[in-house]
Amino acid sequence: MQDGLENLDEDLSGLKPAQWKARMAALAEEHGMYQPLGAKHFATFIDQGNTLLVTFETIQGIHNLSDQAQPLGFDLVKNLGWSHMCVISDGDTWFRDDLIYGFFDQLIDDGFFDEFDNVIFYGAGPCGYAAAAYSVAAPGATVVAVQPQATLDPRMTEWDDRFAEMRRLSFTDRYGYAPDMVDAAGQAYVIYDPQEKLDAMHASLFARKNVTRLRVPYMGDAVQTRLIEMEMLYHILSLAGSGRLSSAAFSKLFRSRRNNSFYLRNLLGRLEREQRSCLVALLCRNVTERMRAPRFRRRLQELEQRAESGEFRIPPKR
């Protein structure tokens, strides 16, 4: 851990909402800056190194994803010495608020982002939208967005019926259409499951020369949670901060899915729906040889019995 950051290891999980927010404000003011942004939002800044990670997170997400109820960027601050700005919302707001527009306007006017050698914007879902949209404030930044929406403007995405209650928000004014905002980025990465059709449709709207779309099939509708389970997210952001994130590097990291039970169950379900018995047997054999998986073992035994009766053939072990 970097010197002077010991209190960033503090466990905030047992605090009530008001206490948690007050403690976050105190930690931020001790190491950088705290900025209230109305009733639904606030920002914290930890001033450390020349690489700045800007994350967009929700209070609920922080508590659900972190055992210590800390923002995602705290680990990178502590372990890599990065600076970290976290813009936090109470609930999913897509960060559409005049006070947030003004906050980023002021950062631009102050030349805040110019003080850093590298800037990375990160978020997932509605927070991924915000990471892409506000990245325009730091031209040349790297953007990592997981399952981002491009916009909720019904004239553009009337096919997405998941967030009907948020249609009253304006996505046509400042910092509005996220795919246009990432035009200023040095490089952007959009991570999504192509099996999730609405997420895939939003991802297609981000097609730009500086955007790399990274597919994570069978990860479902909570990709960020899966990336954390597989201990991938930290490495993805670390690579992004050093300019080494690429499709090849991501693919190498994504091999960890072979040990993720959610992925394996989804893949098994897909093969079974397609009635590909031989591939199901091979998958179950591979999984049971590497890990304890009673469900896969029982399924393999059933398939081996069917194969012995001549229903189909399972290739022998090599």
Protein backbone atom coordinates (compact mmCIF):
# COMPACT_ATOMS: atom_id res chain seq x y z
CA MET A 1 0.00 0.00 0.00
CA GLN A 2 1.18 3.53 -0.77
CA ASP A 3 2.41 5.54 2.23
CA GLY A 4 -0.26 7.63 3.92
CA LEU A 5 -3.20 5.69 2.49
CA GLU A 6 -3.71 3.27 5.36
CA ASN A 7 -7.17 4.65 6.18
CA LEU A 8 -8.35 3.85 2.64
CA ASP A 9 -8.40 0.26 3.88
CA GLU A 10 -11.16 1.18 6.31
CA ASP A 11 -14.21 -1.09 6.36
CA LEU A 12 -17.26 1.08 5.63
CA SER A 13 -19.74 -1.76 5.21
CA GLY A 14 -21.44 -1.48 8.60
CA LEU A 15 -22.30 2.20 8.35
CA LYS A 16 -25.76 3.66 7.85
CA PRO A 17 -26.25 5.64 4.59
CA ALA A 18 -25.67 9.07 6.14
CA GLN A 19 -22.65 7.81 8.10
CA TRP A 20 -21.20 6.14 5.02
CA LYS A 21 -21.52 9.31 2.95
CA ALA A 22 -19.98 11.41 5.74
CA ARG A 23 -17.04 9.01 6.04
CA MET A 24 -16.52 9.01 2.27
CA ALA A 25 -16.47 12.81 2.37
CA ALA A 26 -13.92 12.79 5.20
CA LEU A 27 -11.63 10.33 3.42
CA ALA A 28 -11.81 12.33 0.20
CA GLU A 29 -11.12 15.66 1.90
CA GLU A 30 -8.14 14.17 3.73
CA HIS A 31 -6.55 12.95 0.48
CA GLY A 32 -7.98 15.31 -2.13
CA MET A 33 -11.47 16.71 -2.56
CA TYR A 34 -15.16 16.10 -1.87
CA GLN A 35 -17.83 17.82 -3.97
CA PRO A 36 -21.59 17.54 -3.29
CA LEU A 37 -23.63 17.65 -6.49
CA GLY A 38 -27.21 18.01 -5.34
CA ALA A 39 -29.46 15.51 -3.60
CA LYS A 40 -28.60 12.50 -5.79
CA HIS A 41 -24.89 12.86 -6.58
CA PHE A 42 -21.50 13.68 -5.16
CA ALA A 43 -17.87 13.33 -6.25
CA THR A 44 -14.72 12.30 -4.41
CA PHE A 45 -11.12 12.75 -5.51
CA ILE A 46 -8.03 10.99 -4.13
CA ASP A 47 -4.87 12.80 -5.28
CA GLN A 48 -1.91 10.45 -5.75
CA GLY A 49 -0.13 9.62 -9.01
CA ASN A 50 0.00 10.82 -12.61
CA THR A 51 -2.58 8.27 -13.78
CA LEU A 52 -6.18 9.24 -13.05
CA LEU A 53 -9.02 6.74 -12.92
CA VAL A 54 -12.48 8.31 -13.18
CA THR A 55 -15.23 5.89 -12.13
CA PHE A 56 -18.98 6.34 -12.14
CA GLU A 57 -20.69 4.25 -9.49
CA THR A 58 -23.92 4.01 -7.52
CA ILE A 59 -24.16 3.85 -3.74
CA GLN A 60 -26.07 0.59 -4.08
CA GLY A 61 -23.48 -0.90 -6.44
CA ILE A 62 -20.61 0.02 -4.13
CA HIS A 63 -22.26 -1.78 -1.21
CA ASN A 64 -23.18 -4.83 -3.30
CA LEU A 65 -19.83 -5.29 -5.02
CA SER A 66 -17.36 -4.39 -2.28
CA ASP A 67 -17.02 -6.28 1.02
CA GLN A 68 -15.76 -3.04 2.56
CA ALA A 69 -18.31 -0.79 0.79
CA GLN A 70 -15.53 1.05 -1.03
CA PRO A 71 -15.55 2.43 -4.60
CA LEU A 72 -13.92 0.20 -7.21
CA GLY A 73 -11.02 2.55 -7.72
CA PHE A 74 -9.71 2.41 -4.15
CA ASP A 75 -7.77 -0.81 -4.83
CA LEU A 76 -5.95 0.82 -7.74
CA VAL A 77 -5.17 3.88 -5.64
CA LYS A 78 -3.74 1.72 -2.87
CA ASN A 79 -1.84 -0.78 -5.02
CA LEU A 80 -0.72 1.23 -8.05
CA GLY A 81 -0.59 4.73 -6.63
CA TRP A 82 -3.15 6.09 -9.08
CA SER A 83 -5.31 9.12 -8.49
CA HIS A 84 -9.02 8.43 -8.42
CA MET A 85 -12.14 10.48 -9.02
CA CYS A 86 -15.43 8.77 -8.23
CA VAL A 87 -18.74 10.32 -9.27
CA ILE A 88 -21.43 8.61 -7.21
CA SER A 89 -25.21 8.51 -7.63
CA ASP A 90 -28.00 7.36 -5.37
CA GLY A 91 -29.70 4.87 -7.68
CA ASP A 92 -29.51 4.69 -11.47
CA THR A 93 -29.69 8.27 -12.71
CA TRP A 94 -27.49 7.98 -15.82
CA PHE A 95 -25.84 11.08 -14.25
CA ARG A 96 -28.13 13.39 -16.23
CA ASP A 97 -28.04 16.49 -14.04
CA ASP A 98 -27.13 20.13 -14.65
CA LEU A 99 -24.89 20.13 -11.56
CA ILE A 100 -22.81 17.31 -13.03
CA TYR A 101 -22.55 19.13 -16.37
CA GLY A 102 -21.33 22.18 -14.46
CA PHE A 103 -18.88 20.10 -12.42
CA PHE A 104 -17.19 18.74 -15.54
CA ASP A 105 -17.30 22.16 -17.20
CA GLN A 106 -15.38 23.54 -14.23
CA LEU A 107 -12.83 20.72 -14.37
CA ILE A 108 -12.25 21.52 -18.05
CA ASP A 109 -11.90 25.25 -17.35
CA ASP A 110 -9.42 24.54 -14.56
CA GLY A 111 -7.31 22.29 -16.80
CA PHE A 112 -7.79 19.51 -14.23
CA PHE A 113 -7.36 16.59 -16.63
CA ASP A 114 -4.26 18.17 -18.19
CA GLU A 115 -2.38 17.52 -14.95
CA PHE A 116 -2.35 13.75 -15.56
CA ASP A 117 -0.31 11.67 -17.98
CA ASN A 118 -3.08 9.09 -18.39
CA VAL A 119 -6.82 9.33 -17.76
CA ILE A 120 -9.17 6.32 -17.73
CA PHE A 121 -12.97 6.56 -17.52
CA TYR A 122 -14.81 3.50 -16.25
CA GLY A 123 -18.41 2.47 -15.56
CA ALA A 124 -20.94 -0.32 -16.07
CA GLY A 125 -24.53 -0.13 -17.31
CA PRO A 126 -25.92 3.38 -16.64
CA CYS A 127 -22.50 4.20 -15.17
CA GLY A 128 -20.89 2.89 -18.38
CA TYR A 129 -23.05 5.33 -20.32
CA ALA A 130 -21.76 8.13 -18.07
CA ALA A 131 -18.12 7.06 -18.43
CA ALA A 132 -18.45 7.27 -22.20
CA ALA A 133 -20.48 10.49 -22.21
CA TYR A 134 -18.26 12.48 -19.84
CA SER A 135 -14.99 11.21 -21.30
CA VAL A 136 -15.25 14.06 -23.81
CA ALA A 137 -14.06 16.30 -20.95
CA ALA A 138 -10.60 14.70 -21.23
CA PRO A 139 -9.65 14.35 -24.92
CA GLY A 140 -7.29 11.43 -25.49
CA ALA A 141 -8.55 9.52 -22.44
CA THR A 142 -9.11 5.77 -22.41
CA VAL A 143 -12.68 4.60 -21.83
CA VAL A 144 -13.68 1.19 -20.46
CA ALA A 145 -17.46 0.77 -20.49
CA VAL A 146 -19.24 -2.44 -19.49
CA GLN A 147 -22.73 -2.93 -20.96
CA PRO A 148 -23.17 0.79 -21.61
CA GLN A 149 -26.34 2.30 -23.00
CA ALA A 150 -25.71 4.66 -25.90
CA THR A 151 -28.73 6.80 -24.99
CA LEU A 152 -32.25 6.41 -23.67
CA ASP A 153 -33.66 8.88 -26.15
CA PRO A 154 -36.75 7.03 -27.47
CA ARG A 155 -36.17 8.45 -30.94
CA MET A 156 -32.93 6.47 -31.05
CA THR A 157 -33.56 3.45 -28.84
CA GLU A 158 -37.31 2.89 -28.78
CA TRP A 159 -36.54 -0.84 -28.99
CA ASP A 160 -35.14 -0.85 -25.44
CA ASP A 161 -38.10 -1.17 -23.08
CA ARG A 162 -36.08 -1.81 -19.90
CA PHE A 163 -35.92 1.76 -18.60
CA ALA A 164 -39.28 3.24 -19.58
CA GLU A 165 -39.51 5.23 -16.34
CA MET A 166 -36.30 7.10 -17.25
CA ARG A 167 -37.57 8.39 -20.59
CA ARG A 168 -38.35 11.72 -18.95
CA LEU A 169 -34.60 12.40 -18.69
CA SER A 170 -33.09 14.42 -21.50
CA PHE A 171 -30.39 12.66 -23.49
CA THR A 172 -30.27 15.28 -26.25
CA ASP A 173 -28.62 18.16 -24.42
CA ARG A 174 -25.05 18.45 -23.12
CA TYR A 175 -22.91 15.32 -22.72
CA GLY A 176 -25.83 13.49 -24.31
CA TYR A 177 -25.24 10.85 -26.97
CA ALA A 178 -22.45 8.65 -25.58
CA PRO A 179 -21.12 7.25 -28.90
CA ASP A 180 -20.50 10.79 -30.15
CA MET A 181 -18.75 11.73 -26.91
CA VAL A 182 -16.18 8.91 -27.22
CA ASP A 183 -15.00 10.37 -30.54
CA ALA A 184 -12.58 12.45 -28.47
CA ALA A 185 -11.17 9.43 -26.63
CA GLY A 186 -7.79 8.00 -27.49
CA GLN A 187 -9.26 4.51 -27.26
CA ALA A 188 -12.53 3.11 -25.95
CA TYR A 189 -13.45 -0.45 -25.04
CA VAL A 190 -17.05 -1.62 -24.84
CA ILE A 191 -17.51 -4.94 -23.02
CA TYR A 192 -20.79 -6.81 -23.46
CA ASP A 193 -22.43 -10.19 -23.85
CA PRO A 194 -23.60 -10.60 -27.47
CA GLN A 195 -26.26 -13.05 -26.25
CA GLU A 196 -27.96 -10.15 -24.43
CA LYS A 197 -29.67 -8.63 -27.46
CA LEU A 198 -30.46 -5.17 -26.07
CA ASP A 199 -26.92 -4.76 -24.72
CA ALA A 200 -25.56 -5.89 -28.09
CA MET A 201 -27.75 -3.38 -29.93
CA HIS A 202 -26.47 -0.55 -27.73
CA ALA A 203 -22.89 -1.76 -28.27
CA SER A 204 -23.40 -1.63 -32.03
CA LEU A 205 -24.16 2.11 -31.75
CA PHE A 206 -20.63 2.63 -30.43
CA ALA A 207 -19.06 1.52 -33.72
CA ARG A 208 -16.19 3.99 -34.16
CA LYS A 209 -12.60 3.75 -35.37
CA ASN A 210 -11.32 4.28 -31.84
CA VAL A 211 -13.75 1.82 -30.21
CA THR A 212 -12.94 -1.85 -29.63
CA ARG A 213 -15.93 -4.01 -28.77
CA LEU A 214 -14.98 -6.89 -26.50
CA ARG A 215 -17.49 -9.75 -26.43
CA VAL A 216 -18.01 -11.87 -23.33
CA PRO A 217 -20.60 -14.50 -24.37
CA TYR A 218 -22.62 -16.34 -21.72
CA MET A 219 -21.80 -13.76 -19.05
CA GLY A 220 -25.44 -12.62 -18.84
CA ASP A 221 -26.85 -9.27 -17.79
CA ALA A 222 -24.46 -8.63 -14.87
CA VAL A 223 -21.11 -8.61 -16.68
CA GLN A 224 -19.36 -6.36 -14.16
CA THR A 225 -20.19 -8.82 -11.36
CA ARG A 226 -18.78 -11.69 -13.42
CA LEU A 227 -15.58 -9.72 -14.18
CA ILE A 228 -15.10 -9.10 -10.46
CA GLU A 229 -15.76 -12.77 -9.65
CA MET A 230 -13.10 -13.80 -12.15
CA GLU A 231 -10.69 -11.15 -10.79
CA MET A 232 -10.52 -9.66 -14.26
CA LEU A 233 -11.69 -6.09 -13.70
CA TYR A 234 -8.63 -4.95 -11.76
CA HIS A 235 -6.34 -6.31 -14.51
CA ILE A 236 -8.43 -4.76 -17.30
CA LEU A 237 -8.18 -1.31 -15.73
CA SER A 238 -4.50 -1.79 -14.95
CA LEU A 239 -3.81 -2.64 -18.60
CA ALA A 240 -5.90 0.31 -19.75
CA GLY A 241 -3.89 2.64 -17.53
CA SER A 242 -0.60 1.44 -18.99
CA GLY A 243 -1.83 1.51 -22.60
CA ARG A 244 -1.53 -2.28 -22.94
CA LEU A 245 -5.21 -3.24 -23.13
CA SER A 246 -6.03 -4.89 -26.46
CA SER A 247 -8.30 -7.57 -27.86
CA ALA A 248 -5.48 -10.13 -27.49
CA ALA A 249 -4.70 -9.12 -23.90
CA PHE A 250 -8.39 -9.20 -23.03
CA SER A 251 -8.83 -12.64 -24.60
CA LYS A 252 -5.96 -13.95 -22.49
CA LEU A 253 -7.60 -12.63 -19.32
CA PHE A 254 -10.98 -13.99 -20.38
CA ARG A 255 -9.67 -17.55 -20.26
CA SER A 256 -10.50 -17.38 -16.56
CA ARG A 257 -14.13 -17.97 -17.57
CA ARG A 258 -13.23 -21.68 -17.72
CA ASN A 259 -13.48 -21.70 -13.92
CA ASN A 260 -16.53 -19.49 -13.57
CA SER A 261 -19.60 -21.46 -12.59
CA PHE A 262 -22.06 -18.91 -14.01
CA TYR A 263 -20.40 -19.03 -17.42
CA LEU A 264 -20.20 -22.83 -17.41
CA ARG A 265 -23.87 -23.21 -16.49
CA ASN A 266 -24.91 -20.77 -19.21
CA LEU A 267 -22.79 -22.57 -21.80
CA LEU A 268 -24.20 -25.93 -20.70
CA GLY A 269 -27.74 -24.60 -21.00
CA ARG A 270 -27.09 -23.27 -24.50
CA LEU A 271 -25.68 -26.60 -25.73
CA GLU A 272 -28.54 -28.53 -24.18
CA ARG A 273 -31.16 -26.29 -25.79
CA GLU A 274 -29.49 -26.95 -29.13
CA GLN A 275 -29.48 -30.69 -28.31
CA ARG A 276 -25.76 -31.01 -29.04
CA SER A 277 -25.27 -34.08 -26.85
CA CYS A 278 -21.71 -34.81 -27.91
CA LEU A 279 -20.54 -31.27 -27.09
CA VAL A 280 -22.44 -31.36 -23.80
CA ALA A 281 -20.58 -34.56 -22.88
CA LEU A 282 -17.21 -33.06 -23.82
CA LEU A 283 -17.95 -29.94 -21.80
CA CYS A 284 -19.01 -31.98 -18.76
CA ARG A 285 -15.90 -34.16 -19.06
CA ASN A 286 -13.64 -31.13 -19.21
CA VAL A 287 -15.29 -29.46 -16.24
CA THR A 288 -15.34 -32.54 -14.00
CA GLU A 289 -11.67 -33.23 -14.72
CA ARG A 290 -10.71 -29.75 -13.49
CA MET A 291 -13.09 -28.95 -10.67
CA ARG A 292 -15.74 -30.28 -8.32
CA ALA A 293 -19.03 -29.93 -10.21
CA PRO A 294 -21.72 -32.43 -9.16
CA ARG A 295 -24.24 -31.17 -11.70
CA PHE A 296 -21.82 -31.65 -14.58
CA ARG A 297 -20.75 -35.06 -13.26
CA ARG A 298 -24.34 -36.32 -13.10
CA ARG A 299 -25.02 -35.01 -16.59
CA LEU A 300 -21.88 -36.71 -17.91
CA GLN A 301 -22.92 -40.03 -16.41
CA GLU A 302 -26.34 -39.77 -18.07
CA LEU A 303 -24.78 -39.01 -21.44
CA GLU A 304 -22.25 -41.83 -21.14
CA GLN A 305 -25.12 -44.27 -20.56
CA ARG A 306 -26.94 -42.96 -23.63
CA ALA A 307 -23.76 -43.21 -25.69
CA GLU A 308 -23.26 -46.82 -24.58
CA SER A 309 -26.75 -47.63 -25.88
CA GLY A 310 -25.68 -46.38 -29.32
CA GLU A 311 -27.68 -43.12 -29.33
CA PHE A 312 -24.57 -41.10 -30.21
CA ARG A 313 -20.79 -41.34 -29.92
CA ILE A 314 -18.52 -39.55 -27.46
CA PRO A 315 -14.92 -39.21 -28.69
CA PRO A 316 -12.43 -41.06 -26.45
CA LYS A 317 -10.10 -39.18 -24.14
CA ARG A 318 -6.83 -38.18 -25.69
